[in-house]
Amino acid sequence: LSLAERMPRLILESRRVSSTLAHGLHGRRRAGQGESFWQFRPFVA
């Protein structure tokens, strides 16, 4: 029933790869319909 017993090597490898990634590249700092201020930008006609 435990996944750790089924795929231990691949899970450990995927965790290792994930830990080396620069998570900052996928930050959520982008324009949208949230509540937190992000930035000012020029008005577009």
All heavy atoms as atom14 arrays in JSON, in Angstrom:
{
  "sequence": "LSLAERMPRLILESRRVSSTLAHGLHGRRRAGQGESFWQFRPFVA",
  "atom14_mask": [
    [1, 1, 1, 1, 1, 1, 1, 1, 0, 0, 0, 0, 0, 0],
    [1, 1, 1, 1, 1, 1, 0, 0, 0, 0, 0, 0, 0, 0],
    [1, 1, 1, 1, 1, 1, 1, 1, 0, 0, 0, 0, 0, 0],
    [1, 1, 1, 1, 1, 0, 0, 0, 0, 0, 0, 0, 0, 0],
    [1, 1, 1, 1, 1, 1, 1, 1, 1, 0, 0, 0, 0, 0],
    [1, 1, 1, 1, 1, 1, 1, 1, 1, 1, 1, 0, 0, 0],
    [1, 1, 1, 1, 1, 1, 1, 1, 0, 0, 0, 0, 0, 0],
    [1, 1, 1, 1, 1, 1, 1, 0, 0, 0, 0, 0, 0, 0],
    [1, 1, 1, 1, 1, 1, 1, 1, 1, 1, 1, 0, 0, 0],
    [1, 1, 1, 1, 1, 1, 1, 1, 0, 0, 0, 0, 0, 0],
    [1, 1, 1, 1, 1, 1, 1, 1, 0, 0, 0, 0, 0, 0],
    [1, 1, 1, 1, 1, 1, 1, 1, 0, 0, 0, 0, 0, 0],
    [1, 1, 1, 1, 1, 1, 1, 1, 1, 0, 0, 0, 0, 0],
    [1, 1, 1, 1, 1, 1, 0, 0, 0, 0, 0, 0, 0, 0],
    [1, 1, 1, 1, 1, 1, 1, 1, 1, 1, 1, 0, 0, 0],
    [1, 1, 1, 1, 1, 1, 1, 1, 1, 1, 1, 0, 0, 0],
    [1, 1, 1, 1, 1, 1, 1, 0, 0, 0, 0, 0, 0, 0],
    [1, 1, 1, 1, 1, 1, 0, 0, 0, 0, 0, 0, 0, 0],
    [1, 1, 1, 1, 1, 1, 0, 0, 0, 0, 0, 0, 0, 0],
    [1, 1, 1, 1, 1, 1, 1, 0, 0, 0, 0, 0, 0, 0],
    [1, 1, 1, 1, 1, 1, 1, 1, 0, 0, 0, 0, 0, 0],
    [1, 1, 1, 1, 1, 0, 0, 0, 0, 0, 0, 0, 0, 0],
    [1, 1, 1, 1, 1, 1, 1, 1, 1, 1, 0, 0, 0, 0],
    [1, 1, 1, 1, 0, 0, 0, 0, 0, 0, 0, 0, 0, 0],
    [1, 1, 1, 1, 1, 1, 1, 1, 0, 0, 0, 0, 0, 0],
    [1, 1, 1, 1, 1, 1, 1, 1, 1, 1, 0, 0, 0, 0],
    [1, 1, 1, 1, 0, 0, 0, 0, 0, 0, 0, 0, 0, 0],
    [1, 1, 1, 1, 1, 1, 1, 1, 1, 1, 1, 0, 0, 0],
    [1, 1, 1, 1, 1, 1, 1, 1, 1, 1, 1, 0, 0, 0],
    [1, 1, 1, 1, 1, 1, 1, 1, 1, 1, 1, 0, 0, 0],
    [1, 1, 1, 1, 1, 0, 0, 0, 0, 0, 0, 0, 0, 0],
    [1, 1, 1, 1, 0, 0, 0, 0, 0, 0, 0, 0, 0, 0],
    [1, 1, 1, 1, 1, 1, 1, 1, 1, 0, 0, 0, 0, 0],
    [1, 1, 1, 1, 0, 0, 0, 0, 0, 0, 0, 0, 0, 0],
    [1, 1, 1, 1, 1, 1, 1, 1, 1, 0, 0, 0, 0, 0],
    [1, 1, 1, 1, 1, 1, 0, 0, 0, 0, 0, 0, 0, 0],
    [1, 1, 1, 1, 1, 1, 1, 1, 1, 1, 1, 0, 0, 0],
    [1, 1, 1, 1, 1, 1, 1, 1, 1, 1, 1, 1, 1, 1],
    [1, 1, 1, 1, 1, 1, 1, 1, 1, 0, 0, 0, 0, 0],
    [1, 1, 1, 1, 1, 1, 1, 1, 1, 1, 1, 0, 0, 0],
    [1, 1, 1, 1, 1, 1, 1, 1, 1, 1, 1, 0, 0, 0],
    [1, 1, 1, 1, 1, 1, 1, 0, 0, 0, 0, 0, 0, 0],
    [1, 1, 1, 1, 1, 1, 1, 1, 1, 1, 1, 0, 0, 0],
    [1, 1, 1, 1, 1, 1, 1, 0, 0, 0, 0, 0, 0, 0],
    [1, 1, 1, 1, 1, 0, 0, 0, 0, 0, 0, 0, 0, 0]
  ],
  "atom14_positions": [
    [[0.83, -1.21, 0.0], [0.0, 0.0, 0.0], [0.85, 1.25, 0.0], [0.41, 2.31, -0.4], [-0.91, 0.0, 1.24], [-1.93, -1.14, 1.32], [-2.72, -1.04, 2.62], [-2.86, -1.11, 0.12], [0.0, 0.0, 0.0], [0.0, 0.0, 0.0], [0.0, 0.0, 0.0], [0.0, 0.0, 0.0], [0.0, 0.0, 0.0], [0.0, 0.0, 0.0]],
    [[2.07, 1.14, 0.47], [2.93, 2.31, 0.57], [3.66, 2.54, -0.74], [4.32, 1.67, -1.27], [3.97, 2.12, 1.69], [4.96, 3.13, 1.62], [0.0, 0.0, 0.0], [0.0, 0.0, 0.0], [0.0, 0.0, 0.0], [0.0, 0.0, 0.0], [0.0, 0.0, 0.0], [0.0, 0.0, 0.0], [0.0, 0.0, 0.0], [0.0, 0.0, 0.0]],
    [[3.54, 3.74, -1.26], [4.24, 4.07, -2.5], [5.74, 4.04, -2.32], [6.48, 3.68, -3.23], [3.82, 5.47, -2.98], [4.49, 5.91, -4.28], [4.08, 5.03, -5.43], [4.22, 7.35, -4.56], [0.0, 0.0, 0.0], [0.0, 0.0, 0.0], [0.0, 0.0, 0.0], [0.0, 0.0, 0.0], [0.0, 0.0, 0.0], [0.0, 0.0, 0.0]],
    [[6.2, 4.37, -1.14], [7.64, 4.36, -0.89], [8.21, 2.97, -1.09], [9.39, 2.81, -1.41], [7.94, 4.86, 0.52], [0.0, 0.0, 0.0], [0.0, 0.0, 0.0], [0.0, 0.0, 0.0], [0.0, 0.0, 0.0], [0.0, 0.0, 0.0], [0.0, 0.0, 0.0], [0.0, 0.0, 0.0], [0.0, 0.0, 0.0], [0.0, 0.0, 0.0]],
    [[7.37, 1.93, -0.91], [7.82, 0.57, -1.12], [7.74, 0.18, -2.58], [8.42, -0.73, -3.04], [6.98, -0.4, -0.28], [7.16, -0.22, 1.22], [6.26, -1.16, 1.99], [5.6, -2.0, 1.34], [6.2, -1.05, 3.22], [0.0, 0.0, 0.0], [0.0, 0.0, 0.0], [0.0, 0.0, 0.0], [0.0, 0.0, 0.0], [0.0, 0.0, 0.0]],
    [[6.89, 0.88, -3.35], [6.69, 0.5, -4.74], [7.72, 1.14, -5.67], [8.25, 0.5, -6.57], [5.3, 0.92, -5.22], [4.17, 0.21, -4.48], [2.86, 0.51, -5.16], [1.74, -0.07, -4.43], [0.51, -0.15, -4.9], [0.25, 0.32, -6.1], [-0.45, -0.67, -4.17], [0.0, 0.0, 0.0], [0.0, 0.0, 0.0], [0.0, 0.0, 0.0]],
    [[7.98, 2.41, -5.49], [8.85, 3.11, -6.43], [9.9, 3.94, -5.69], [10.03, 5.14, -5.92], [8.01, 4.02, -7.33], [6.98, 3.3, -8.16], [5.94, 4.43, -9.13], [7.11, 5.04, -10.34], [0.0, 0.0, 0.0], [0.0, 0.0, 0.0], [0.0, 0.0, 0.0], [0.0, 0.0, 0.0], [0.0, 0.0, 0.0], [0.0, 0.0, 0.0]],
    [[10.65, 3.33, -4.8], [11.57, 4.13, -3.98], [12.63, 4.85, -4.78], [12.9, 6.03, -4.54], [12.19, 3.08, -3.05], [12.04, 1.78, -3.78], [10.74, 1.9, -4.52], [0.0, 0.0, 0.0], [0.0, 0.0, 0.0], [0.0, 0.0, 0.0], [0.0, 0.0, 0.0], [0.0, 0.0, 0.0], [0.0, 0.0, 0.0], [0.0, 0.0, 0.0]],
    [[13.22, 4.18, -5.74], [14.34, 4.81, -6.45], [13.87, 5.99, -7.32], [14.5, 7.04, -7.33], [15.03, 3.77, -7.34], [16.25, 4.31, -8.07], [17.01, 3.19, -8.72], [16.21, 2.48, -9.7], [16.0, 2.91, -10.95], [16.54, 4.04, -11.35], [15.27, 2.2, -11.79], [0.0, 0.0, 0.0], [0.0, 0.0, 0.0], [0.0, 0.0, 0.0]],
    [[12.75, 5.8, -8.03], [12.29, 6.88, -8.9], [11.77, 8.06, -8.1], [11.92, 9.21, -8.51], [11.21, 6.36, -9.85], [11.66, 5.33, -10.89], [10.53, 4.99, -11.83], [12.87, 5.84, -11.65], [0.0, 0.0, 0.0], [0.0, 0.0, 0.0], [0.0, 0.0, 0.0], [0.0, 0.0, 0.0], [0.0, 0.0, 0.0], [0.0, 0.0, 0.0]],
    [[11.14, 7.78, -6.97], [10.65, 8.87, -6.14], [11.82, 9.67, -5.58], [11.82, 10.91, -5.61], [9.77, 8.34, -4.99], [8.45, 7.81, -5.56], [9.49, 9.43, -3.96], [7.56, 7.18, -4.53], [0.0, 0.0, 0.0], [0.0, 0.0, 0.0], [0.0, 0.0, 0.0], [0.0, 0.0, 0.0], [0.0, 0.0, 0.0], [0.0, 0.0, 0.0]],
    [[12.82, 8.98, -5.09], [13.99, 9.67, -4.56], [14.69, 10.48, -5.65], [15.13, 11.61, -5.41], [14.97, 8.65, -3.96], [14.54, 8.02, -2.64], [15.54, 6.94, -2.23], [14.42, 9.07, -1.54], [0.0, 0.0, 0.0], [0.0, 0.0, 0.0], [0.0, 0.0, 0.0], [0.0, 0.0, 0.0], [0.0, 0.0, 0.0], [0.0, 0.0, 0.0]],
    [[14.77, 9.93, -6.85], [15.42, 10.64, -7.94], [14.62, 11.88, -8.34], [15.18, 12.95, -8.6], [15.59, 9.72, -9.14], [16.19, 10.37, -10.38], [17.61, 10.84, -10.19], [18.22, 10.52, -9.14], [18.13, 11.52, -11.09], [0.0, 0.0, 0.0], [0.0, 0.0, 0.0], [0.0, 0.0, 0.0], [0.0, 0.0, 0.0], [0.0, 0.0, 0.0]],
    [[13.29, 11.76, -8.41], [12.47, 12.91, -8.77], [12.56, 14.0, -7.71], [12.59, 15.19, -8.03], [11.01, 12.49, -8.99], [10.43, 12.02, -7.78], [0.0, 0.0, 0.0], [0.0, 0.0, 0.0], [0.0, 0.0, 0.0], [0.0, 0.0, 0.0], [0.0, 0.0, 0.0], [0.0, 0.0, 0.0], [0.0, 0.0, 0.0], [0.0, 0.0, 0.0]],
    [[12.61, 13.6, -6.44], [12.78, 14.57, -5.37], [14.13, 15.28, -5.48], [14.25, 16.48, -5.26], [12.68, 13.89, -4.01], [11.29, 13.41, -3.64], [10.36, 14.55, -3.36], [9.12, 14.07, -2.76], [8.02, 14.79, -2.67], [7.99, 16.0, -3.17], [6.94, 14.29, -2.1], [0.0, 0.0, 0.0], [0.0, 0.0, 0.0], [0.0, 0.0, 0.0]],
    [[15.16, 14.5, -5.83], [16.49, 15.1, -5.97], [16.51, 16.12, -7.1], [17.04, 17.22, -6.95], [17.53, 14.01, -6.25], [18.97, 14.53, -6.32], [19.91, 13.49, -6.88], [19.62, 13.19, -8.27], [19.97, 13.99, -9.28], [20.61, 15.13, -9.05], [19.68, 13.66, -10.53], [0.0, 0.0, 0.0], [0.0, 0.0, 0.0], [0.0, 0.0, 0.0]],
    [[15.91, 15.75, -8.23], [15.87, 16.68, -9.37], [15.07, 17.92, -9.01], [15.47, 19.05, -9.29], [15.26, 15.99, -10.61], [15.02, 17.01, -11.72], [16.17, 14.88, -11.09], [0.0, 0.0, 0.0], [0.0, 0.0, 0.0], [0.0, 0.0, 0.0], [0.0, 0.0, 0.0], [0.0, 0.0, 0.0], [0.0, 0.0, 0.0], [0.0, 0.0, 0.0]],
    [[13.93, 17.71, -8.36], [13.1, 18.84, -7.98], [13.83, 19.8, -7.06], [13.71, 21.03, -7.17], [11.82, 18.34, -7.29], [11.02, 19.41, -6.87], [0.0, 0.0, 0.0], [0.0, 0.0, 0.0], [0.0, 0.0, 0.0], [0.0, 0.0, 0.0], [0.0, 0.0, 0.0], [0.0, 0.0, 0.0], [0.0, 0.0, 0.0], [0.0, 0.0, 0.0]],
    [[14.61, 19.26, -6.13], [15.32, 20.11, -5.16], [16.41, 20.95, -5.8], [16.84, 21.95, -5.24], [15.93, 19.25, -4.05], [16.98, 18.45, -4.55], [0.0, 0.0, 0.0], [0.0, 0.0, 0.0], [0.0, 0.0, 0.0], [0.0, 0.0, 0.0], [0.0, 0.0, 0.0], [0.0, 0.0, 0.0], [0.0, 0.0, 0.0], [0.0, 0.0, 0.0]],
    [[16.86, 20.56, -7.01], [17.92, 21.32, -7.68], [17.36, 22.44, -8.55], [18.12, 23.26, -9.06], [18.78, 20.41, -8.56], [17.99, 19.9, -9.64], [19.35, 19.25, -7.76], [0.0, 0.0, 0.0], [0.0, 0.0, 0.0], [0.0, 0.0, 0.0], [0.0, 0.0, 0.0], [0.0, 0.0, 0.0], [0.0, 0.0, 0.0], [0.0, 0.0, 0.0]],
    [[16.05, 22.47, -8.75], [15.47, 23.45, -9.65], [15.35, 24.81, -8.98], [15.14, 24.93, -7.77], [14.09, 22.99, -10.12], [14.06, 21.65, -10.86], [12.63, 21.27, -11.2], [14.9, 21.73, -12.12], [0.0, 0.0, 0.0], [0.0, 0.0, 0.0], [0.0, 0.0, 0.0], [0.0, 0.0, 0.0], [0.0, 0.0, 0.0], [0.0, 0.0, 0.0]],
    [[15.44, 25.83, -9.78], [15.27, 27.21, -9.28], [13.79, 27.52, -9.27], [13.22, 27.93, -10.27], [16.02, 28.19, -10.18], [0.0, 0.0, 0.0], [0.0, 0.0, 0.0], [0.0, 0.0, 0.0], [0.0, 0.0, 0.0], [0.0, 0.0, 0.0], [0.0, 0.0, 0.0], [0.0, 0.0, 0.0], [0.0, 0.0, 0.0], [0.0, 0.0, 0.0]],
    [[13.16, 27.3, -8.12], [11.72, 27.51, -8.03], [11.33, 28.96, -8.33], [10.2, 29.24, -8.72], [11.22, 27.13, -6.64], [11.43, 25.69, -6.3], [11.0, 24.67, -7.11], [12.04, 25.1, -5.24], [11.32, 23.51, -6.55], [11.96, 23.75, -5.42], [0.0, 0.0, 0.0], [0.0, 0.0, 0.0], [0.0, 0.0, 0.0], [0.0, 0.0, 0.0]],
    [[12.25, 29.88, -8.14], [11.93, 31.27, -8.4], [11.53, 31.55, -9.83], [10.83, 32.52, -10.11], [0.0, 0.0, 0.0], [0.0, 0.0, 0.0], [0.0, 0.0, 0.0], [0.0, 0.0, 0.0], [0.0, 0.0, 0.0], [0.0, 0.0, 0.0], [0.0, 0.0, 0.0], [0.0, 0.0, 0.0], [0.0, 0.0, 0.0], [0.0, 0.0, 0.0]],
    [[11.94, 30.68, -10.77], [11.58, 30.89, -12.16], [10.1, 30.72, -12.38], [9.55, 31.19, -13.36], [12.34, 29.89, -13.05], [13.81, 30.2, -13.28], [14.46, 29.06, -14.04], [13.95, 31.5, -14.07], [0.0, 0.0, 0.0], [0.0, 0.0, 0.0], [0.0, 0.0, 0.0], [0.0, 0.0, 0.0], [0.0, 0.0, 0.0], [0.0, 0.0, 0.0]],
    [[9.45, 30.02, -11.45], [8.01, 29.81, -11.62], [7.24, 30.56, -10.54], [6.24, 30.11, -10.03], [7.67, 28.32, -11.56], [6.25, 28.05, -11.95], [5.78, 28.28, -13.22], [5.2, 27.62, -11.24], [4.5, 27.98, -13.27], [4.12, 27.58, -12.08], [0.0, 0.0, 0.0], [0.0, 0.0, 0.0], [0.0, 0.0, 0.0], [0.0, 0.0, 0.0]],
    [[7.71, 31.73, -10.2], [6.99, 32.53, -9.23], [5.65, 32.98, -9.78], [5.43, 32.99, -10.98], [0.0, 0.0, 0.0], [0.0, 0.0, 0.0], [0.0, 0.0, 0.0], [0.0, 0.0, 0.0], [0.0, 0.0, 0.0], [0.0, 0.0, 0.0], [0.0, 0.0, 0.0], [0.0, 0.0, 0.0], [0.0, 0.0, 0.0], [0.0, 0.0, 0.0]],
    [[4.76, 33.39, -8.93], [3.43, 33.78, -9.36], [3.3, 35.3, -9.4], [2.21, 35.84, -9.31], [2.39, 33.16, -8.44], [2.33, 31.66, -8.56], [1.61, 31.02, -7.41], [0.22, 31.45, -7.35], [-0.56, 31.23, -6.31], [-0.09, 30.62, -5.26], [-1.8, 31.65, -6.31], [0.0, 0.0, 0.0], [0.0, 0.0, 0.0], [0.0, 0.0, 0.0]],
    [[4.41, 35.99, -9.56], [4.38, 37.44, -9.66], [3.99, 37.83, -11.07], [4.81, 38.02, -11.95], [5.75, 38.02, -9.31], [6.2, 37.72, -7.9], [5.47, 38.57, -6.89], [5.83, 39.98, -7.04], [5.25, 40.96, -6.36], [4.28, 40.7, -5.54], [5.64, 42.2, -6.54], [0.0, 0.0, 0.0], [0.0, 0.0, 0.0], [0.0, 0.0, 0.0]],
    [[2.71, 37.93, -11.33], [2.22, 38.3, -12.64], [0.87, 38.96, -12.5], [0.17, 38.81, -11.5], [2.11, 37.08, -13.55], [1.35, 35.93, -12.94], [1.46, 34.71, -13.82], [0.78, 33.56, -13.23], [1.36, 32.71, -12.39], [2.62, 32.88, -12.04], [0.69, 31.69, -11.89], [0.0, 0.0, 0.0], [0.0, 0.0, 0.0], [0.0, 0.0, 0.0]],
    [[0.48, 39.69, -13.52], [-0.76, 40.46, -13.45], [-1.97, 39.54, -13.43], [-1.98, 38.49, -14.05], [-0.86, 41.38, -14.66], [0.0, 0.0, 0.0], [0.0, 0.0, 0.0], [0.0, 0.0, 0.0], [0.0, 0.0, 0.0], [0.0, 0.0, 0.0], [0.0, 0.0, 0.0], [0.0, 0.0, 0.0], [0.0, 0.0, 0.0], [0.0, 0.0, 0.0]],
    [[-3.03, 39.97, -12.69], [-4.23, 39.16, -12.65], [-5.29, 39.8, -11.79], [-5.28, 41.01, -11.54], [0.0, 0.0, 0.0], [0.0, 0.0, 0.0], [0.0, 0.0, 0.0], [0.0, 0.0, 0.0], [0.0, 0.0, 0.0], [0.0, 0.0, 0.0], [0.0, 0.0, 0.0], [0.0, 0.0, 0.0], [0.0, 0.0, 0.0], [0.0, 0.0, 0.0]],
    [[-6.22, 38.96, -11.31], [-7.38, 39.46, -10.57], [-7.24, 39.25, -9.07], [-8.21, 39.0, -8.38], [-8.64, 38.75, -11.08], [-8.88, 38.97, -12.56], [-9.04, 40.42, -12.9], [-9.75, 41.14, -12.2], [-8.41, 40.88, -13.97], [0.0, 0.0, 0.0], [0.0, 0.0, 0.0], [0.0, 0.0, 0.0], [0.0, 0.0, 0.0], [0.0, 0.0, 0.0]],
    [[-6.05, 39.34, -8.53], [-5.86, 39.18, -7.1], [-6.09, 40.48, -6.35], [-6.63, 41.44, -6.86], [0.0, 0.0, 0.0], [0.0, 0.0, 0.0], [0.0, 0.0, 0.0], [0.0, 0.0, 0.0], [0.0, 0.0, 0.0], [0.0, 0.0, 0.0], [0.0, 0.0, 0.0], [0.0, 0.0, 0.0], [0.0, 0.0, 0.0], [0.0, 0.0, 0.0]],
    [[-5.62, 40.52, -5.09], [-5.81, 41.69, -4.25], [-4.51, 42.4, -3.94], [-4.52, 43.57, -3.58], [-6.49, 41.26, -2.94], [-7.87, 40.64, -3.14], [-8.48, 40.19, -1.83], [-7.75, 40.26, -0.8], [-9.64, 39.79, -1.82], [0.0, 0.0, 0.0], [0.0, 0.0, 0.0], [0.0, 0.0, 0.0], [0.0, 0.0, 0.0], [0.0, 0.0, 0.0]],
    [[-3.38, 41.71, -4.06], [-2.09, 42.29, -3.7], [-1.54, 43.16, -4.82], [-1.53, 42.75, -5.99], [-1.08, 41.19, -3.36], [-1.58, 40.37, -2.32], [0.0, 0.0, 0.0], [0.0, 0.0, 0.0], [0.0, 0.0, 0.0], [0.0, 0.0, 0.0], [0.0, 0.0, 0.0], [0.0, 0.0, 0.0], [0.0, 0.0, 0.0], [0.0, 0.0, 0.0]],
    [[-1.08, 44.36, -4.47], [-0.49, 45.24, -5.47], [0.79, 44.63, -6.02], [1.58, 44.05, -5.29], [-0.17, 46.6, -4.84], [0.66, 47.49, -5.72], [0.12, 48.08, -6.85], [2.01, 47.69, -5.45], [0.89, 48.89, -7.68], [2.79, 48.48, -6.27], [2.22, 49.09, -7.39], [0.0, 0.0, 0.0], [0.0, 0.0, 0.0], [0.0, 0.0, 0.0]],
    [[0.98, 44.77, -7.36], [2.18, 44.25, -7.99], [3.01, 45.39, -8.56], [4.14, 45.62, -8.15], [1.79, 43.27, -9.11], [2.97, 42.7, -9.84], [4.25, 42.56, -9.38], [2.98, 42.19, -11.18], [5.05, 41.99, -10.33], [4.3, 41.75, -11.45], [2.01, 42.04, -12.17], [4.66, 41.18, -12.67], [2.37, 41.47, -13.38], [3.68, 41.06, -13.61]],
    [[2.44, 46.17, -9.49], [3.22, 47.22, -10.13], [2.29, 48.22, -10.83], [1.11, 47.95, -11.03], [4.17, 46.62, -11.17], [3.43, 46.0, -12.35], [4.37, 45.44, -13.4], [5.58, 45.45, -13.24], [3.81, 44.97, -14.51], [0.0, 0.0, 0.0], [0.0, 0.0, 0.0], [0.0, 0.0, 0.0], [0.0, 0.0, 0.0], [0.0, 0.0, 0.0]],
    [[2.85, 49.37, -11.18], [2.18, 50.31, -12.07], [2.7, 50.07, -13.47], [3.88, 49.78, -13.67], [2.46, 51.75, -11.66], [1.8, 52.17, -10.37], [2.56, 52.39, -9.23], [0.43, 52.33, -10.31], [1.95, 52.78, -8.05], [-0.19, 52.72, -9.13], [0.57, 52.95, -7.99], [0.0, 0.0, 0.0], [0.0, 0.0, 0.0], [0.0, 0.0, 0.0]],
    [[1.83, 50.26, -14.44], [2.26, 50.2, -15.84], [1.51, 51.28, -16.62], [0.44, 51.74, -16.21], [1.97, 48.82, -16.44], [0.5, 48.47, -16.54], [0.28, 47.3, -17.5], [-1.11, 46.88, -17.53], [-2.06, 47.5, -18.23], [-1.77, 48.59, -18.93], [-3.31, 47.05, -18.2], [0.0, 0.0, 0.0], [0.0, 0.0, 0.0], [0.0, 0.0, 0.0]],
    [[2.05, 51.69, -17.76], [1.4, 52.74, -18.56], [0.02, 52.3, -19.04], [-0.21, 51.14, -19.37], [2.35, 52.93, -19.74], [3.67, 52.48, -19.23], [3.38, 51.34, -18.31], [0.0, 0.0, 0.0], [0.0, 0.0, 0.0], [0.0, 0.0, 0.0], [0.0, 0.0, 0.0], [0.0, 0.0, 0.0], [0.0, 0.0, 0.0], [0.0, 0.0, 0.0]],
    [[-0.91, 53.24, -19.07], [-2.26, 53.01, -19.58], [-2.19, 52.76, -21.08], [-1.43, 53.41, -21.8], [-3.12, 54.23, -19.28], [-4.52, 54.16, -19.84], [-5.5, 53.42, -19.2], [-4.85, 54.86, -21.0], [-6.79, 53.37, -19.71], [-6.13, 54.82, -21.51], [-7.11, 54.07, -20.86], [0.0, 0.0, 0.0], [0.0, 0.0, 0.0], [0.0, 0.0, 0.0]],
    [[-2.98, 51.78, -21.56], [-3.02, 51.45, -22.98], [-4.34, 51.91, -23.56], [-5.4, 51.67, -22.98], [-2.85, 49.93, -23.18], [-2.95, 49.58, -24.66], [-1.52, 49.46, -22.62], [0.0, 0.0, 0.0], [0.0, 0.0, 0.0], [0.0, 0.0, 0.0], [0.0, 0.0, 0.0], [0.0, 0.0, 0.0], [0.0, 0.0, 0.0], [0.0, 0.0, 0.0]],
    [[-4.28, 52.59, -24.7], [-5.49, 53.08, -25.35], [-6.47, 51.94, -25.58], [-6.1, 50.87, -26.05], [-5.13, 53.72, -26.69], [0.0, 0.0, 0.0], [0.0, 0.0, 0.0], [0.0, 0.0, 0.0], [0.0, 0.0, 0.0], [0.0, 0.0, 0.0], [0.0, 0.0, 0.0], [0.0, 0.0, 0.0], [0.0, 0.0, 0.0], [0.0, 0.0, 0.0]]
  ]
}
